[in-house]
Protein backbone atom coordinates (compact mmCIF):
# COMPACT_ATOMS: atom_id res chain seq x y z
CA MET A 1 -2.10 11.11 5.37
CA ILE A 2 -4.76 8.88 3.91
CA THR A 3 -7.62 7.00 5.53
CA VAL A 4 -8.30 3.36 4.69
CA THR A 5 -10.51 0.62 6.09
CA VAL A 6 -8.55 -2.43 7.20
CA HIS A 7 -10.11 -5.89 7.51
CA TYR A 8 -8.37 -8.56 9.59
CA PHE A 9 -8.95 -12.29 9.17
CA ALA A 10 -8.15 -15.48 11.10
CA SER A 11 -5.17 -15.16 13.47
CA LEU A 12 -4.72 -11.45 12.72
CA ARG A 13 -8.33 -10.79 13.75
CA GLU A 14 -7.80 -12.75 16.95
CA GLN A 15 -4.57 -10.91 17.77
CA ARG A 16 -6.01 -7.47 17.00
CA GLY A 17 -9.33 -8.17 18.69
CA LEU A 18 -11.18 -6.51 15.80
CA SER A 19 -12.38 -7.62 12.41
CA GLU A 20 -12.07 -4.15 10.90
CA GLU A 21 -11.03 -0.61 11.67
CA THR A 22 -10.46 2.71 9.96
CA VAL A 23 -6.81 3.74 9.91
CA ALA A 24 -5.18 7.09 9.16
CA THR A 25 -1.75 6.36 7.74
CA ALA A 26 1.15 7.78 5.79
CA ALA A 27 1.76 4.34 4.23
CA ALA A 28 1.98 4.48 0.46
CA THR A 29 1.63 0.74 -0.19
CA ALA A 30 -0.05 -2.32 1.26
CA LYS A 31 3.33 -3.56 2.50
CA THR A 32 4.19 -0.37 4.36
CA LEU A 33 0.72 -0.37 5.91
CA TYR A 34 1.08 -3.98 7.08
CA THR A 35 4.57 -3.26 8.42
CA GLU A 36 3.19 -0.26 10.33
CA LEU A 37 0.28 -2.29 11.76
CA ARG A 38 2.56 -5.23 12.56
CA ALA A 39 4.83 -2.99 14.64
CA GLU A 40 1.88 -1.30 16.36
CA HIS A 41 -0.07 -4.47 17.20
CA GLY A 42 2.68 -7.07 17.50
CA PHE A 43 1.59 -9.29 14.61
CA PRO A 44 4.15 -12.13 14.44
CA LEU A 45 3.73 -12.96 10.74
CA PRO A 46 6.11 -11.33 8.26
CA PRO A 47 4.61 -9.91 5.04
CA GLU A 48 5.86 -12.95 3.10
CA ARG A 49 3.36 -15.12 5.02
CA VAL A 50 0.35 -12.82 4.52
CA ARG A 51 -1.69 -11.97 1.40
CA ALA A 52 -2.86 -8.44 0.73
CA VAL A 53 -6.30 -7.74 -0.72
CA LEU A 54 -7.08 -4.27 -2.03
CA ASN A 55 -10.68 -3.35 -2.82
CA ASP A 56 -11.76 -7.03 -3.00
CA GLU A 57 -8.92 -8.18 -5.27
CA PHE A 58 -5.64 -9.87 -4.40
CA ALA A 59 -2.95 -7.24 -4.73
CA SER A 60 0.80 -6.92 -4.91
CA TRP A 61 2.49 -5.66 -1.78
CA ASP A 62 3.59 -2.68 -3.87
CA ALA A 63 0.02 -1.68 -4.76
CA PRO A 64 -0.47 2.03 -4.02
CA LEU A 65 -3.01 3.03 -1.39
CA ARG A 66 -5.52 5.86 -1.71
CA THR A 67 -8.01 7.38 0.69
CA GLY A 68 -11.16 5.29 0.82
CA ASP A 69 -9.46 2.00 -0.09
CA VAL A 70 -10.45 -1.20 1.68
CA VAL A 71 -7.43 -3.31 2.57
CA ALA A 72 -7.57 -6.86 3.94
CA PHE A 73 -4.74 -8.96 5.26
CA LEU A 74 -5.11 -12.73 4.96
CA PRO A 75 -2.78 -14.92 7.02
CA PRO A 76 -2.36 -18.61 6.23
CA VAL A 77 -5.18 -20.74 7.60
CA ALA A 78 -5.32 -24.43 8.42
CA GLY A 79 -8.36 -26.53 7.77
CA GLY A 80 -9.42 -30.06 7.47
């Protein structure tokens, strides 16, 4: 198990009701973490529609996670 800080933005923040939380997980990658959180919280967006950010840099879904990492998930946003 590792512990990471997860930041949620836009629709994910609204659906979760939090902007950030600390998560203990067995997920090895950003994608497995998002899949785990999606199942737990009912996020409707598949990983293909969300960007992963790891320690303030856009990351591949296959980026490995380590204890202390900060992970953000960015859904598509509309603006005008």
